Amino acid sequence: MTTVDILLRYATPPTEAVASALARTREVYGVRRLSFDRAAHTLRVEYDATRLSAAEVIQLVRSSGLQVIEEVPLAVAPPPQKPAPAA
């Protein structure tokens, strides 16, 4: 098993119907955990990458009715190093 997290930003807070539909996505083999950050309008999905791809997870979330805007990078690459000035 390869556990991976994906972070998705959504447009509007989920309604009760959407929240119920999202809860049912946990029944999909490979989806391990869903956690909302309502202040940041994000949903973190922990899933088994040997069973599902990121695209499949996003499709599952969208099919529940949540309006996904974008996938948010979990790790930001460091800025490129500037060469030292020649003396």
C-alpha atoms as a PDB file:
ATOM      1  CA  MET A   1       0.000   0.000   0.000  1.00  0.00           C
ATOM      2  CA  THR A   2       1.221   3.465  -0.896  1.00  0.00           C
ATOM      3  CA  THR A   3      -0.614   6.127   1.090  1.00  0.00           C
ATOM      4  CA  VAL A   4      -0.839   9.502  -0.627  1.00  0.00           C
ATOM      5  CA  ASP A   5      -2.597  12.752   0.291  1.00  0.00           C
ATOM      6  CA  ILE A   6      -4.180  15.128  -2.169  1.00  0.00           C
ATOM      7  CA  LEU A   7      -5.365  18.602  -1.200  1.00  0.00           C
ATOM      8  CA  LEU A   8      -8.268  20.115  -3.121  1.00  0.00           C
ATOM      9  CA  ARG A   9      -9.603  23.672  -2.909  1.00  0.00           C
ATOM     10  CA  TYR A  10     -13.363  24.017  -3.308  1.00  0.00           C
ATOM     11  CA  ALA A  11     -15.547  26.969  -4.264  1.00  0.00           C
ATOM     12  CA  THR A  12     -18.491  26.855  -1.881  1.00  0.00           C
ATOM     13  CA  PRO A  13     -18.903  25.067   1.446  1.00  0.00           C
ATOM     14  CA  PRO A  14     -20.510  21.640   1.071  1.00  0.00           C
ATOM     15  CA  THR A  15     -24.207  21.308   1.699  1.00  0.00           C
ATOM     16  CA  GLU A  16     -25.524  18.521   3.885  1.00  0.00           C
ATOM     17  CA  ALA A  17     -26.295  16.451   0.769  1.00  0.00           C
ATOM     18  CA  VAL A  18     -22.747  16.924  -0.560  1.00  0.00           C
ATOM     19  CA  ALA A  19     -21.252  16.066   2.831  1.00  0.00           C
ATOM     20  CA  SER A  20     -23.309  12.847   2.895  1.00  0.00           C
ATOM     21  CA  ALA A  21     -22.181  11.960  -0.630  1.00  0.00           C
ATOM     22  CA  LEU A  22     -18.572  12.619   0.333  1.00  0.00           C
ATOM     23  CA  ALA A  23     -18.941  10.390   3.375  1.00  0.00           C
ATOM     24  CA  ARG A  24     -20.021   7.581   1.046  1.00  0.00           C
ATOM     25  CA  THR A  25     -16.795   7.959  -0.964  1.00  0.00           C
ATOM     26  CA  ARG A  26     -15.035   6.393   2.030  1.00  0.00           C
ATOM     27  CA  GLU A  27     -16.746   3.169   0.961  1.00  0.00           C
ATOM     28  CA  VAL A  28     -14.605   3.183  -2.203  1.00  0.00           C
ATOM     29  CA  TYR A  29     -11.774   0.718  -1.746  1.00  0.00           C
ATOM     30  CA  GLY A  30      -8.590   2.779  -1.475  1.00  0.00           C
ATOM     31  CA  VAL A  31     -10.042   5.971   0.026  1.00  0.00           C
ATOM     32  CA  ARG A  32      -8.768   6.097   3.584  1.00  0.00           C
ATOM     33  CA  ARG A  33      -9.651   9.490   5.078  1.00  0.00           C
ATOM     34  CA  LEU A  34     -11.326  12.802   4.243  1.00  0.00           C
ATOM     35  CA  SER A  35     -10.684  15.952   6.258  1.00  0.00           C
ATOM     36  CA  PHE A  36     -11.994  19.457   5.701  1.00  0.00           C
ATOM     37  CA  ASP A  37     -10.354  22.754   6.523  1.00  0.00           C
ATOM     38  CA  ARG A  38     -13.384  25.002   6.280  1.00  0.00           C
ATOM     39  CA  ALA A  39     -11.390  28.194   6.874  1.00  0.00           C
ATOM     40  CA  ALA A  40      -9.063  27.462   3.943  1.00  0.00           C
ATOM     41  CA  HIS A  41     -11.842  25.897   1.797  1.00  0.00           C
ATOM     42  CA  THR A  42      -9.799  22.742   1.296  1.00  0.00           C
ATOM     43  CA  LEU A  43     -10.428  19.032   1.454  1.00  0.00           C
ATOM     44  CA  ARG A  44      -7.565  16.620   2.117  1.00  0.00           C
ATOM     45  CA  VAL A  45      -8.083  13.082   0.862  1.00  0.00           C
ATOM     46  CA  GLU A  46      -5.799  10.285   1.988  1.00  0.00           C
ATOM     47  CA  TYR A  47      -5.883   7.365  -0.433  1.00  0.00           C
ATOM     48  CA  ASP A  48      -4.022   4.246  -1.512  1.00  0.00           C
ATOM     49  CA  ALA A  49      -2.139   5.106  -4.715  1.00  0.00           C
ATOM     50  CA  THR A  50      -1.874   1.418  -5.640  1.00  0.00           C
ATOM     51  CA  ARG A  51      -5.690   1.353  -5.932  1.00  0.00           C
ATOM     52  CA  LEU A  52      -6.582   4.856  -7.163  1.00  0.00           C
ATOM     53  CA  SER A  53      -4.976   7.665  -9.132  1.00  0.00           C
ATOM     54  CA  ALA A  54      -5.199  11.352  -8.248  1.00  0.00           C
ATOM     55  CA  ALA A  55      -7.510  11.875 -11.239  1.00  0.00           C
ATOM     56  CA  GLU A  56      -9.870   9.154  -9.967  1.00  0.00           C
ATOM     57  CA  VAL A  57      -9.939  10.707  -6.493  1.00  0.00           C
ATOM     58  CA  ILE A  58     -10.731  14.136  -7.932  1.00  0.00           C
ATOM     59  CA  GLN A  59     -13.504  12.600 -10.054  1.00  0.00           C
ATOM     60  CA  LEU A  60     -14.974  10.874  -6.978  1.00  0.00           C
ATOM     61  CA  VAL A  61     -15.010  14.160  -5.070  1.00  0.00           C
ATOM     62  CA  ARG A  62     -16.542  16.057  -7.986  1.00  0.00           C
ATOM     63  CA  SER A  63     -19.195  13.377  -8.498  1.00  0.00           C
ATOM     64  CA  SER A  64     -20.292  13.934  -4.896  1.00  0.00           C
ATOM     65  CA  GLY A  65     -21.238  17.491  -5.876  1.00  0.00           C
ATOM     66  CA  LEU A  66     -18.315  19.395  -4.345  1.00  0.00           C
ATOM     67  CA  GLN A  67     -17.141  22.187  -6.673  1.00  0.00           C
ATOM     68  CA  VAL A  68     -13.399  21.555  -6.860  1.00  0.00           C
ATOM     69  CA  ILE A  69     -11.446  24.599  -8.075  1.00  0.00           C
ATOM     70  CA  GLU A  70      -7.921  23.233  -8.042  1.00  0.00           C
ATOM     71  CA  GLU A  71      -5.481  20.752  -6.617  1.00  0.00           C
ATOM     72  CA  VAL A  72      -3.229  22.503  -4.104  1.00  0.00           C
ATOM     73  CA  PRO A  73       0.424  21.418  -3.983  1.00  0.00           C
ATOM     74  CA  LEU A  74       1.241  19.921  -0.599  1.00  0.00           C
ATOM     75  CA  ALA A  75       4.955  20.663  -0.871  1.00  0.00           C
ATOM     76  CA  VAL A  76       6.380  23.749  -2.481  1.00  0.00           C
ATOM     77  CA  ALA A  77       9.674  23.427  -4.304  1.00  0.00           C
ATOM     78  CA  PRO A  78      12.417  25.634  -2.884  1.00  0.00           C
ATOM     79  CA  PRO A  79      13.342  28.671  -4.967  1.00  0.00           C
ATOM     80  CA  PRO A  80      16.284  28.173  -7.301  1.00  0.00           C
ATOM     81  CA  GLN A  81      19.666  29.055  -5.848  1.00  0.00           C
ATOM     82  CA  LYS A  82      21.306  32.139  -7.297  1.00  0.00           C
ATOM     83  CA  PRO A  83      24.960  31.697  -8.221  1.00  0.00           C
ATOM     84  CA  ALA A  84      27.405  33.468  -5.969  1.00  0.00           C
ATOM     85  CA  PRO A  85      28.686  36.760  -7.450  1.00  0.00           C
ATOM     86  CA  ALA A  86      32.088  36.492  -9.083  1.00  0.00           C
ATOM     87  CA  ALA A  87      34.766  38.349  -7.183  1.00  0.00           C
END
